[in-house]
């Protein structure tokens, strides 16, 4: 199934327990103030991807224990999200999904219960800058970590780094994880 994808990171330690692949969905209309990843908001940006091809790429990565799905807002492409988690659930990999929607809102979505039934962990709720937290996969204190299966315990989330910088062989850099600071305190220097 086709969907809009922002990026795929084959191996990350800052997006859930253990070493994980990460898929960022493209597109988000929630526009949380000071979002850590505003480049994922434009519904038409990113690239067209196929759920089966993405899963094949993920399965080719050695040593990962799961897939984390973030965005953008994955639940704004519910058919593709459901297909992706269905395909991954057929493998030994664990599934963690980040969403700006609260759990009760996701449960009320037409495809919400089917998606929730296939994932191990949901990080839910909008980022609220005034409640910034920046650790344990939670950007702000209103967000909630929901353990939907018994695969993980709360202690599994204590040693996850808040963020990481990944330098790729082609020289590109990925900054990922949860911002340890409210966004206005971060500064990025452009190369000369």
N, C-alpha and C. Protein backbone atom coordinates (compact mmCIF):
# COMPACT_ATOMS: atom_id res chain seq x y z
N UNK A 1 0.85 -1.18 0.00
CA UNK A 1 0.00 0.00 0.00
C UNK A 1 0.89 1.25 0.00
N UNK A 2 0.53 2.21 -0.80
CA UNK A 2 1.31 3.45 -0.90
C UNK A 2 0.97 4.40 0.25
N UNK A 3 2.00 5.15 0.70
CA UNK A 3 1.79 6.18 1.70
C UNK A 3 2.88 7.23 1.57
N UNK A 4 2.69 8.37 2.25
CA UNK A 4 3.70 9.43 2.25
C UNK A 4 4.60 9.21 3.46
N UNK A 5 5.90 9.05 3.17
CA UNK A 5 6.89 8.81 4.21
C UNK A 5 7.88 9.97 4.25
N UNK A 6 8.21 10.40 5.43
CA UNK A 6 9.22 11.44 5.60
C UNK A 6 10.62 10.84 5.53
N UNK A 7 10.85 9.76 6.28
CA UNK A 7 12.17 9.15 6.32
C UNK A 7 12.10 7.77 6.94
N UNK A 8 13.17 7.01 6.71
CA UNK A 8 13.36 5.70 7.32
C UNK A 8 14.77 5.67 7.90
N UNK A 9 14.88 5.38 9.17
CA UNK A 9 16.18 5.22 9.82
C UNK A 9 16.31 3.75 10.18
N UNK A 10 17.32 3.04 9.66
CA UNK A 10 17.39 1.60 9.91
C UNK A 10 17.79 1.20 11.33
N UNK A 11 18.47 2.08 12.07
CA UNK A 11 18.92 1.67 13.40
C UNK A 11 19.04 2.88 14.32
N UNK A 12 18.20 2.92 15.33
CA UNK A 12 18.17 4.02 16.29
C UNK A 12 18.03 3.46 17.70
N UNK A 13 18.63 4.15 18.65
CA UNK A 13 18.47 3.77 20.06
C UNK A 13 17.62 4.78 20.83
N UNK A 14 17.24 5.90 20.20
CA UNK A 14 16.51 6.97 20.90
C UNK A 14 15.02 6.97 20.61
N UNK A 15 14.51 5.93 19.96
CA UNK A 15 13.10 5.91 19.58
C UNK A 15 12.36 4.71 20.14
N UNK A 16 12.86 4.18 21.25
CA UNK A 16 12.20 3.05 21.88
C UNK A 16 13.23 2.09 22.44
N UNK A 17 12.77 1.04 23.10
CA UNK A 17 13.69 0.09 23.73
C UNK A 17 14.56 -0.64 22.71
N UNK A 18 15.84 -0.79 23.01
CA UNK A 18 16.74 -1.53 22.15
C UNK A 18 17.07 -0.80 20.87
N UNK A 19 17.65 -1.52 19.93
CA UNK A 19 17.98 -0.98 18.62
C UNK A 19 16.77 -1.17 17.72
N UNK A 20 16.30 -0.07 17.10
CA UNK A 20 15.04 -0.10 16.37
C UNK A 20 15.15 0.61 15.03
N UNK A 21 14.42 0.13 14.06
CA UNK A 21 14.21 0.89 12.84
C UNK A 21 13.13 1.93 13.16
N UNK A 22 13.16 3.04 12.43
CA UNK A 22 12.16 4.09 12.63
C UNK A 22 11.62 4.53 11.28
N UNK A 23 10.30 4.59 11.17
CA UNK A 23 9.64 5.14 9.99
C UNK A 23 8.90 6.39 10.44
N UNK A 24 9.18 7.52 9.77
CA UNK A 24 8.45 8.76 10.02
C UNK A 24 7.44 8.95 8.90
N UNK A 25 6.17 8.98 9.25
CA UNK A 25 5.13 9.29 8.28
C UNK A 25 5.19 10.78 7.97
N UNK A 26 4.84 11.14 6.74
CA UNK A 26 4.80 12.53 6.33
C UNK A 26 3.38 13.06 6.46
N UNK A 27 3.25 14.25 6.99
CA UNK A 27 1.96 14.90 7.07
C UNK A 27 1.41 14.94 8.48
N UNK A 28 1.06 16.14 8.92
CA UNK A 28 0.44 16.31 10.23
C UNK A 28 -0.31 17.63 10.24
N UNK A 29 -1.58 17.58 10.57
CA UNK A 29 -2.38 18.80 10.66
C UNK A 29 -2.56 19.26 12.11
N UNK A 30 -1.94 18.57 13.07
CA UNK A 30 -2.06 18.97 14.47
C UNK A 30 -1.25 20.22 14.77
N UNK A 31 -0.10 20.36 14.14
CA UNK A 31 0.78 21.54 14.28
C UNK A 31 0.99 21.95 15.73
N UNK A 32 1.46 21.03 16.55
CA UNK A 32 1.78 21.37 17.94
C UNK A 32 2.84 22.48 17.94
N UNK A 33 2.61 23.50 18.74
CA UNK A 33 3.56 24.61 18.83
C UNK A 33 4.93 24.09 19.25
N UNK A 34 5.95 24.51 18.54
CA UNK A 34 7.35 24.14 18.81
C UNK A 34 7.61 22.65 18.63
N UNK A 35 6.92 22.04 17.70
CA UNK A 35 7.14 20.62 17.38
C UNK A 35 8.62 20.39 17.07
N UNK A 36 9.15 19.27 17.54
CA UNK A 36 10.55 18.92 17.33
C UNK A 36 10.83 18.56 15.87
N UNK A 37 9.80 18.20 15.11
CA UNK A 37 10.01 17.73 13.75
C UNK A 37 9.03 18.40 12.77
N UNK A 38 9.06 19.73 12.65
CA UNK A 38 8.10 20.42 11.78
C UNK A 38 8.25 20.08 10.30
N UNK A 39 9.38 19.55 9.90
CA UNK A 39 9.57 19.16 8.50
C UNK A 39 8.66 18.03 8.07
N UNK A 40 8.01 17.39 9.02
CA UNK A 40 7.09 16.29 8.70
C UNK A 40 5.65 16.76 8.52
N UNK A 41 5.38 18.04 8.68
CA UNK A 41 3.99 18.52 8.67
C UNK A 41 3.37 18.59 7.27
N UNK A 42 4.11 19.06 6.28
CA UNK A 42 3.57 19.27 4.93
C UNK A 42 3.05 17.94 4.37
N UNK A 43 1.76 17.92 4.05
CA UNK A 43 1.12 16.69 3.57
C UNK A 43 1.66 16.23 2.23
N UNK A 44 2.21 17.15 1.45
CA UNK A 44 2.67 16.81 0.10
C UNK A 44 4.18 16.60 0.02
N UNK A 45 4.89 16.80 1.10
CA UNK A 45 6.35 16.63 1.08
C UNK A 45 6.69 15.15 1.30
N UNK A 46 7.95 14.89 1.55
CA UNK A 46 8.39 13.52 1.75
C UNK A 46 8.42 12.76 0.44
N UNK A 47 8.26 11.46 0.53
CA UNK A 47 8.30 10.64 -0.68
C UNK A 47 7.22 9.58 -0.62
N UNK A 48 6.84 9.10 -1.79
CA UNK A 48 5.86 8.03 -1.83
C UNK A 48 6.58 6.73 -1.52
N UNK A 49 6.03 5.97 -0.61
CA UNK A 49 6.63 4.70 -0.21
C UNK A 49 5.55 3.62 -0.27
N UNK A 50 5.99 2.39 -0.21
CA UNK A 50 5.10 1.24 -0.23
C UNK A 50 5.32 0.43 1.06
N UNK A 51 4.25 0.09 1.75
CA UNK A 51 4.37 -0.58 3.03
C UNK A 51 5.15 -1.89 2.93
N UNK A 52 4.89 -2.68 1.89
CA UNK A 52 5.60 -3.96 1.76
C UNK A 52 7.09 -3.75 1.52
N UNK A 53 7.44 -2.78 0.69
CA UNK A 53 8.86 -2.50 0.43
C UNK A 53 9.55 -1.98 1.68
N UNK A 54 8.86 -1.14 2.45
CA UNK A 54 9.44 -0.62 3.69
C UNK A 54 9.71 -1.77 4.66
N UNK A 55 8.76 -2.68 4.80
CA UNK A 55 8.95 -3.81 5.70
C UNK A 55 10.11 -4.69 5.23
N UNK A 56 10.24 -4.91 3.94
CA UNK A 56 11.37 -5.70 3.43
C UNK A 56 12.70 -5.02 3.75
N UNK A 57 12.77 -3.69 3.61
CA UNK A 57 13.99 -2.95 3.97
C UNK A 57 14.30 -3.09 5.45
N UNK A 58 13.27 -3.02 6.28
CA UNK A 58 13.47 -3.14 7.73
C UNK A 58 13.95 -4.55 8.09
N UNK A 59 13.36 -5.56 7.49
CA UNK A 59 13.74 -6.94 7.80
C UNK A 59 15.16 -7.26 7.36
N UNK A 60 15.71 -6.49 6.43
CA UNK A 60 17.08 -6.70 5.97
C UNK A 60 18.11 -6.17 6.97
N UNK A 61 17.66 -5.36 7.95
CA UNK A 61 18.56 -4.80 8.95
C UNK A 61 18.81 -5.84 10.03
N UNK A 62 20.06 -6.13 10.30
CA UNK A 62 20.41 -7.12 11.31
C UNK A 62 20.47 -6.49 12.70
N UNK A 63 20.00 -7.22 13.70
CA UNK A 63 20.20 -6.82 15.09
C UNK A 63 19.15 -5.89 15.68
N UNK A 64 18.11 -5.53 14.93
CA UNK A 64 17.09 -4.66 15.52
C UNK A 64 16.04 -5.52 16.22
N UNK A 65 15.42 -4.92 17.24
CA UNK A 65 14.39 -5.66 17.96
C UNK A 65 12.99 -5.15 17.65
N UNK A 66 12.90 -4.01 16.97
CA UNK A 66 11.57 -3.52 16.69
C UNK A 66 11.54 -2.37 15.72
N UNK A 67 10.33 -1.90 15.47
CA UNK A 67 10.06 -0.76 14.61
C UNK A 67 9.31 0.29 15.42
N UNK A 68 9.79 1.53 15.34
CA UNK A 68 9.05 2.66 15.91
C UNK A 68 8.50 3.46 14.74
N UNK A 69 7.25 3.89 14.87
CA UNK A 69 6.59 4.65 13.83
C UNK A 69 6.24 6.01 14.41
N UNK A 70 6.67 7.05 13.72
CA UNK A 70 6.48 8.41 14.21
C UNK A 70 6.01 9.28 13.06
N UNK A 71 6.15 10.57 13.21
CA UNK A 71 5.73 11.45 12.13
C UNK A 71 6.24 12.84 12.32
N UNK A 72 5.49 13.68 11.68
CA UNK A 72 4.14 13.67 11.17
C UNK A 72 3.19 12.99 12.17
N UNK A 73 2.05 12.65 11.62
CA UNK A 73 1.03 11.96 12.43
C UNK A 73 0.62 10.69 11.71
N UNK A 74 1.11 9.53 12.18
CA UNK A 74 0.80 8.26 11.51
C UNK A 74 -0.69 7.98 11.38
N UNK A 75 -1.49 8.38 12.37
CA UNK A 75 -2.92 8.08 12.33
C UNK A 75 -3.68 8.94 11.32
N UNK A 76 -3.00 9.89 10.68
CA UNK A 76 -3.64 10.65 9.61
C UNK A 76 -3.51 9.95 8.26
N UNK A 77 -2.81 8.81 8.24
CA UNK A 77 -2.79 7.90 7.10
C UNK A 77 -3.17 6.51 7.63
N UNK A 78 -4.40 6.38 8.14
CA UNK A 78 -4.77 5.17 8.89
C UNK A 78 -4.71 3.87 8.09
N UNK A 79 -5.08 3.91 6.81
CA UNK A 79 -5.05 2.67 6.03
C UNK A 79 -3.61 2.16 5.90
N UNK A 80 -2.70 3.06 5.59
CA UNK A 80 -1.29 2.66 5.45
C UNK A 80 -0.70 2.25 6.79
N UNK A 81 -1.04 2.96 7.85
CA UNK A 81 -0.54 2.59 9.18
C UNK A 81 -1.04 1.20 9.55
N UNK A 82 -2.30 0.94 9.32
CA UNK A 82 -2.85 -0.38 9.64
C UNK A 82 -2.15 -1.47 8.82
N UNK A 83 -1.89 -1.21 7.55
CA UNK A 83 -1.22 -2.19 6.71
C UNK A 83 0.22 -2.42 7.18
N UNK A 84 0.92 -1.34 7.51
CA UNK A 84 2.30 -1.46 7.97
C UNK A 84 2.39 -2.27 9.27
N UNK A 85 1.53 -1.97 10.24
CA UNK A 85 1.61 -2.73 11.50
C UNK A 85 1.13 -4.17 11.31
N UNK A 86 0.22 -4.39 10.40
CA UNK A 86 -0.21 -5.77 10.10
C UNK A 86 0.96 -6.58 9.55
N UNK A 87 1.71 -5.99 8.63
CA UNK A 87 2.84 -6.69 8.03
C UNK A 87 3.95 -6.94 9.06
N UNK A 88 4.25 -5.94 9.89
CA UNK A 88 5.31 -6.10 10.88
C UNK A 88 4.89 -7.09 11.96
N UNK A 89 3.62 -7.12 12.32
CA UNK A 89 3.14 -8.03 13.37
C UNK A 89 3.37 -9.48 12.97
N UNK A 90 3.55 -9.78 11.69
CA UNK A 90 3.82 -11.14 11.22
C UNK A 90 5.28 -11.53 11.40
N UNK A 91 6.09 -10.63 11.95
CA UNK A 91 7.52 -10.87 12.18
C UNK A 91 7.77 -10.87 13.69
N UNK A 92 8.99 -11.18 14.12
CA UNK A 92 9.28 -11.12 15.56
C UNK A 92 9.48 -9.70 16.10
N UNK A 93 9.48 -8.69 15.24
CA UNK A 93 9.76 -7.33 15.68
C UNK A 93 8.64 -6.76 16.55
N UNK A 94 9.04 -5.94 17.53
CA UNK A 94 8.05 -5.23 18.34
C UNK A 94 7.62 -3.96 17.61
N UNK A 95 6.50 -3.40 18.03
CA UNK A 95 5.95 -2.19 17.40
C UNK A 95 5.65 -1.13 18.44
N UNK A 96 6.15 0.08 18.19
CA UNK A 96 5.90 1.25 19.01
C UNK A 96 5.44 2.36 18.09
N UNK A 97 4.36 3.04 18.44
CA UNK A 97 3.84 4.13 17.61
C UNK A 97 3.73 5.40 18.45
N UNK A 98 4.22 6.51 17.89
CA UNK A 98 4.05 7.83 18.48
C UNK A 98 2.86 8.50 17.81
N UNK A 99 2.02 9.17 18.60
CA UNK A 99 0.89 9.91 18.05
C UNK A 99 0.62 11.16 18.87
N UNK A 100 0.21 12.20 18.20
CA UNK A 100 -0.21 13.42 18.88
C UNK A 100 -1.64 13.34 19.39
N UNK A 101 -2.34 12.28 19.04
CA UNK A 101 -3.70 12.08 19.52
C UNK A 101 -3.69 11.34 20.86
N UNK A 102 -4.59 11.68 21.77
CA UNK A 102 -4.73 10.89 23.00
C UNK A 102 -5.32 9.51 22.68
N UNK A 103 -5.08 8.55 23.56
CA UNK A 103 -5.55 7.18 23.37
C UNK A 103 -7.06 7.12 23.13
N UNK A 104 -7.84 7.87 23.90
CA UNK A 104 -9.31 7.80 23.73
C UNK A 104 -9.74 8.26 22.34
N UNK A 105 -9.02 9.22 21.77
CA UNK A 105 -9.34 9.69 20.42
C UNK A 105 -9.01 8.59 19.40
N UNK A 106 -7.87 7.91 19.58
CA UNK A 106 -7.47 6.84 18.65
C UNK A 106 -8.47 5.69 18.73
N UNK A 107 -8.92 5.35 19.93
CA UNK A 107 -9.90 4.26 20.07
C UNK A 107 -11.20 4.57 19.33
N UNK A 108 -11.53 5.86 19.17
CA UNK A 108 -12.76 6.25 18.49
C UNK A 108 -12.61 6.34 16.97
N UNK A 109 -11.39 6.27 16.47
CA UNK A 109 -11.15 6.32 15.02
C UNK A 109 -11.61 5.01 14.38
N UNK A 110 -12.11 5.06 13.14
CA UNK A 110 -12.57 3.82 12.49
C UNK A 110 -11.53 2.69 12.48
N UNK A 111 -10.27 2.99 12.23
CA UNK A 111 -9.24 1.95 12.19
C UNK A 111 -8.41 1.89 13.48
N UNK A 112 -8.70 2.78 14.42
CA UNK A 112 -7.93 2.86 15.65
C UNK A 112 -7.82 1.57 16.42
N UNK A 113 -8.94 0.91 16.76
CA UNK A 113 -8.85 -0.32 17.53
C UNK A 113 -8.04 -1.43 16.84
N UNK A 114 -8.16 -1.56 15.53
CA UNK A 114 -7.40 -2.58 14.80
C UNK A 114 -5.90 -2.30 14.85
N UNK A 115 -5.53 -1.03 14.78
CA UNK A 115 -4.12 -0.66 14.86
C UNK A 115 -3.60 -0.90 16.28
N UNK A 116 -4.35 -0.44 17.27
CA UNK A 116 -3.93 -0.62 18.66
C UNK A 116 -3.77 -2.09 19.02
N UNK A 117 -4.59 -2.95 18.45
CA UNK A 117 -4.53 -4.39 18.75
C UNK A 117 -3.23 -5.02 18.24
N UNK A 118 -2.52 -4.34 17.35
CA UNK A 118 -1.31 -4.92 16.76
C UNK A 118 -0.02 -4.29 17.28
N UNK A 119 -0.10 -3.28 18.10
CA UNK A 119 1.13 -2.62 18.56
C UNK A 119 1.40 -2.92 20.03
N UNK A 120 2.68 -2.84 20.39
CA UNK A 120 3.07 -3.12 21.76
C UNK A 120 3.03 -1.89 22.66
N UNK A 121 3.39 -0.73 22.08
CA UNK A 121 3.51 0.49 22.87
C UNK A 121 2.96 1.65 22.05
N UNK A 122 2.22 2.52 22.72
CA UNK A 122 1.74 3.76 22.13
C UNK A 122 2.20 4.91 23.00
N UNK A 123 2.85 5.89 22.38
CA UNK A 123 3.16 7.16 23.05
C UNK A 123 2.14 8.14 22.50
N UNK A 124 1.24 8.63 23.36
CA UNK A 124 0.08 9.37 22.88
C UNK A 124 -0.07 10.73 23.55
N UNK A 125 -0.57 11.67 22.76
CA UNK A 125 -0.89 13.00 23.25
C UNK A 125 -0.10 14.07 22.52
N UNK A 126 -0.67 15.25 22.41
CA UNK A 126 0.02 16.33 21.71
C UNK A 126 1.19 16.87 22.53
N UNK A 127 2.18 17.40 21.83
CA UNK A 127 3.28 18.07 22.52
C UNK A 127 2.77 19.43 22.98
N UNK A 128 2.94 19.73 24.27
CA UNK A 128 2.56 21.03 24.84
C UNK A 128 3.83 21.67 25.40
N UNK A 129 4.27 22.72 24.74
CA UNK A 129 5.54 23.36 25.08
C UNK A 129 5.63 23.76 26.55
N UNK A 130 4.55 24.28 27.12
CA UNK A 130 4.56 24.73 28.52
C UNK A 130 4.76 23.56 29.49
N UNK A 131 4.55 22.34 29.02
CA UNK A 131 4.72 21.15 29.86
C UNK A 131 5.91 20.31 29.39
N UNK A 132 6.89 20.96 28.78
CA UNK A 132 8.04 20.25 28.22
C UNK A 132 8.67 19.32 29.26
N UNK A 133 9.01 18.10 28.82
CA UNK A 133 9.62 17.09 29.69
C UNK A 133 10.93 16.60 29.09
N UNK A 134 10.89 16.09 27.87
CA UNK A 134 12.10 15.73 27.13
C UNK A 134 12.85 14.50 27.61
N UNK A 135 12.15 13.49 28.11
CA UNK A 135 12.81 12.24 28.47
C UNK A 135 11.79 11.10 28.53
N UNK A 136 12.33 9.88 28.50
CA UNK A 136 11.45 8.70 28.55
C UNK A 136 10.49 8.60 27.39
N UNK A 137 10.87 9.10 26.23
CA UNK A 137 10.08 9.16 25.00
C UNK A 137 8.94 10.18 25.06
N UNK A 138 8.83 10.93 26.15
CA UNK A 138 7.76 11.91 26.28
C UNK A 138 8.32 13.31 26.08
N UNK A 139 7.75 14.01 25.10
CA UNK A 139 8.17 15.38 24.86
C UNK A 139 7.63 16.34 25.90
N UNK A 140 6.41 16.07 26.38
CA UNK A 140 5.81 16.92 27.42
C UNK A 140 5.07 16.03 28.41
N UNK A 141 4.84 16.56 29.61
CA UNK A 141 4.31 15.75 30.71
C UNK A 141 2.88 15.28 30.50
N UNK A 142 2.14 15.90 29.61
CA UNK A 142 0.77 15.44 29.33
C UNK A 142 0.75 14.17 28.49
N UNK A 143 1.84 13.88 27.78
CA UNK A 143 1.87 12.69 26.93
C UNK A 143 1.93 11.44 27.80
N UNK A 144 1.38 10.36 27.27
CA UNK A 144 1.32 9.13 28.05
C UNK A 144 1.93 7.96 27.29
N UNK A 145 2.62 7.11 28.03
CA UNK A 145 3.20 5.89 27.51
C UNK A 145 2.23 4.76 27.85
N UNK A 146 1.68 4.13 26.82
CA UNK A 146 0.71 3.04 27.02
C UNK A 146 1.35 1.72 26.62
N UNK A 147 1.50 0.82 27.56
CA UNK A 147 2.01 -0.52 27.29
C UNK A 147 0.80 -1.39 26.94
N UNK A 148 0.66 -1.72 25.67
CA UNK A 148 -0.55 -2.40 25.19
C UNK A 148 -0.42 -3.91 25.17
N UNK A 149 0.81 -4.41 25.34
CA UNK A 149 1.05 -5.85 25.47
C UNK A 149 2.01 -6.03 26.65
N UNK A 150 2.35 -7.25 26.95
CA UNK A 150 3.29 -7.50 28.04
C UNK A 150 4.74 -7.62 27.56
N UNK A 151 5.01 -7.21 26.34
CA UNK A 151 6.37 -7.32 25.78
C UNK A 151 7.37 -6.45 26.53
N UNK A 152 6.94 -5.28 26.99
CA UNK A 152 7.82 -4.36 27.69
C UNK A 152 7.24 -4.00 29.05
N UNK A 153 8.15 -3.59 29.94
CA UNK A 153 7.79 -3.06 31.25
C UNK A 153 8.25 -1.61 31.30
N UNK A 154 7.74 -0.84 32.25
CA UNK A 154 8.14 0.57 32.36
C UNK A 154 9.65 0.73 32.50
N UNK A 155 10.31 -0.18 33.19
CA UNK A 155 11.75 -0.09 33.35
C UNK A 155 12.52 -0.16 32.04
N UNK A 156 11.94 -0.74 31.01
CA UNK A 156 12.60 -0.81 29.70
C UNK A 156 12.76 0.56 29.05
N UNK A 157 12.08 1.56 29.57
CA UNK A 157 12.10 2.90 28.97
C UNK A 157 12.99 3.87 29.73
N UNK A 158 13.58 3.41 30.82
CA UNK A 158 14.39 4.30 31.66
C UNK A 158 15.74 4.64 31.05
N UNK A 159 16.34 3.74 30.30
CA UNK A 159 17.69 3.99 29.79
C UNK A 159 17.73 4.42 28.32
N UNK A 160 16.59 4.74 27.75
CA UNK A 160 16.56 5.20 26.36
C UNK A 160 17.13 6.61 26.30
N UNK A 161 18.13 6.84 25.44
CA UNK A 161 18.67 8.21 25.34
C UNK A 161 17.60 9.17 24.84
N UNK A 162 17.62 10.39 25.36
CA UNK A 162 16.62 11.39 24.96
C UNK A 162 16.76 11.76 23.49
N UNK A 163 17.97 11.71 22.97
CA UNK A 163 18.19 12.05 21.58
C UNK A 163 19.49 11.41 21.12
N UNK A 164 19.67 11.40 19.81
CA UNK A 164 20.91 10.89 19.23
C UNK A 164 21.18 11.61 17.93
N UNK A 165 22.45 11.66 17.57
CA UNK A 165 22.88 12.19 16.29
C UNK A 165 23.46 11.01 15.53
N UNK A 166 22.91 10.74 14.36
CA UNK A 166 23.37 9.64 13.53
C UNK A 166 24.06 10.23 12.31
N UNK A 167 25.33 9.90 12.13
CA UNK A 167 26.07 10.37 10.96
C UNK A 167 26.14 9.21 9.98
N UNK A 168 25.58 9.41 8.80
CA UNK A 168 25.51 8.36 7.79
C UNK A 168 26.76 8.34 6.93
N UNK A 169 27.00 7.24 6.26
CA UNK A 169 28.22 7.09 5.44
C UNK A 169 28.29 8.13 4.33
N UNK A 170 27.14 8.65 3.88
CA UNK A 170 27.16 9.67 2.83
C UNK A 170 27.38 11.08 3.39
N UNK A 171 27.58 11.19 4.70
CA UNK A 171 27.82 12.48 5.34
C UNK A 171 26.56 13.17 5.84
N UNK A 172 25.39 12.65 5.52
CA UNK A 172 24.16 13.26 6.04
C UNK A 172 24.02 12.95 7.52
N UNK A 173 23.25 13.78 8.20
CA UNK A 173 23.10 13.66 9.65
C UNK A 173 21.62 13.59 9.99
N UNK A 174 21.27 12.70 10.90
CA UNK A 174 19.91 12.61 11.42
C UNK A 174 19.95 12.92 12.91
N UNK A 175 19.19 13.92 13.34
CA UNK A 175 19.00 14.23 14.75
C UNK A 175 17.64 13.66 15.11
N UNK A 176 17.61 12.73 16.04
CA UNK A 176 16.36 12.05 16.36
C UNK A 176 16.21 11.86 17.86
N UNK A 177 15.01 11.52 18.26
CA UNK A 177 14.69 11.34 19.67
C UNK A 177 13.73 12.42 20.12
N UNK A 178 13.78 12.71 21.40
CA UNK A 178 12.93 13.72 22.02
C UNK A 178 13.83 14.88 22.41
N UNK A 179 13.44 16.08 22.06
CA UNK A 179 14.25 17.24 22.40
C UNK A 179 14.36 17.39 23.92
N UNK A 180 15.59 17.51 24.44
CA UNK A 180 15.74 17.70 25.88
C UNK A 180 15.42 19.13 26.32
N UNK A 181 15.24 20.03 25.36
CA UNK A 181 14.98 21.44 25.65
C UNK A 181 13.79 21.91 24.83
N UNK A 182 13.04 22.89 25.33
CA UNK A 182 12.04 23.50 24.46
C UNK A 182 12.72 23.99 23.18
N UNK A 183 12.05 23.89 22.06
CA UNK A 183 12.65 24.12 20.75
C UNK A 183 13.33 25.48 20.61
N UNK A 184 12.82 26.53 21.24
CA UNK A 184 13.43 27.85 21.05
C UNK A 184 14.83 27.95 21.65
N UNK A 185 15.20 27.00 22.51
CA UNK A 185 16.55 27.05 23.07
C UNK A 185 17.56 26.32 22.19
N UNK A 186 17.08 25.59 21.18
CA UNK A 186 17.98 24.89 20.27
C UNK A 186 18.44 25.85 19.18
N UNK A 187 19.70 25.79 18.84
CA UNK A 187 20.19 26.57 17.72
C UNK A 187 20.92 25.64 16.77
N UNK A 188 20.74 25.86 15.51
CA UNK A 188 21.39 25.06 14.49
C UNK A 188 22.21 26.00 13.62
N UNK A 189 23.47 25.69 13.46
CA UNK A 189 24.33 26.48 12.60
C UNK A 189 24.31 25.91 11.20
N UNK A 190 24.07 26.76 10.23
CA UNK A 190 24.09 26.34 8.83
C UNK A 190 25.54 26.22 8.40
N UNK A 191 25.86 25.23 7.55
CA UNK A 191 27.23 25.13 7.08
C UNK A 191 27.58 26.34 6.23
N UNK A 192 28.89 26.74 6.19
CA UNK A 192 29.27 27.93 5.43
C UNK A 192 29.07 27.73 3.95
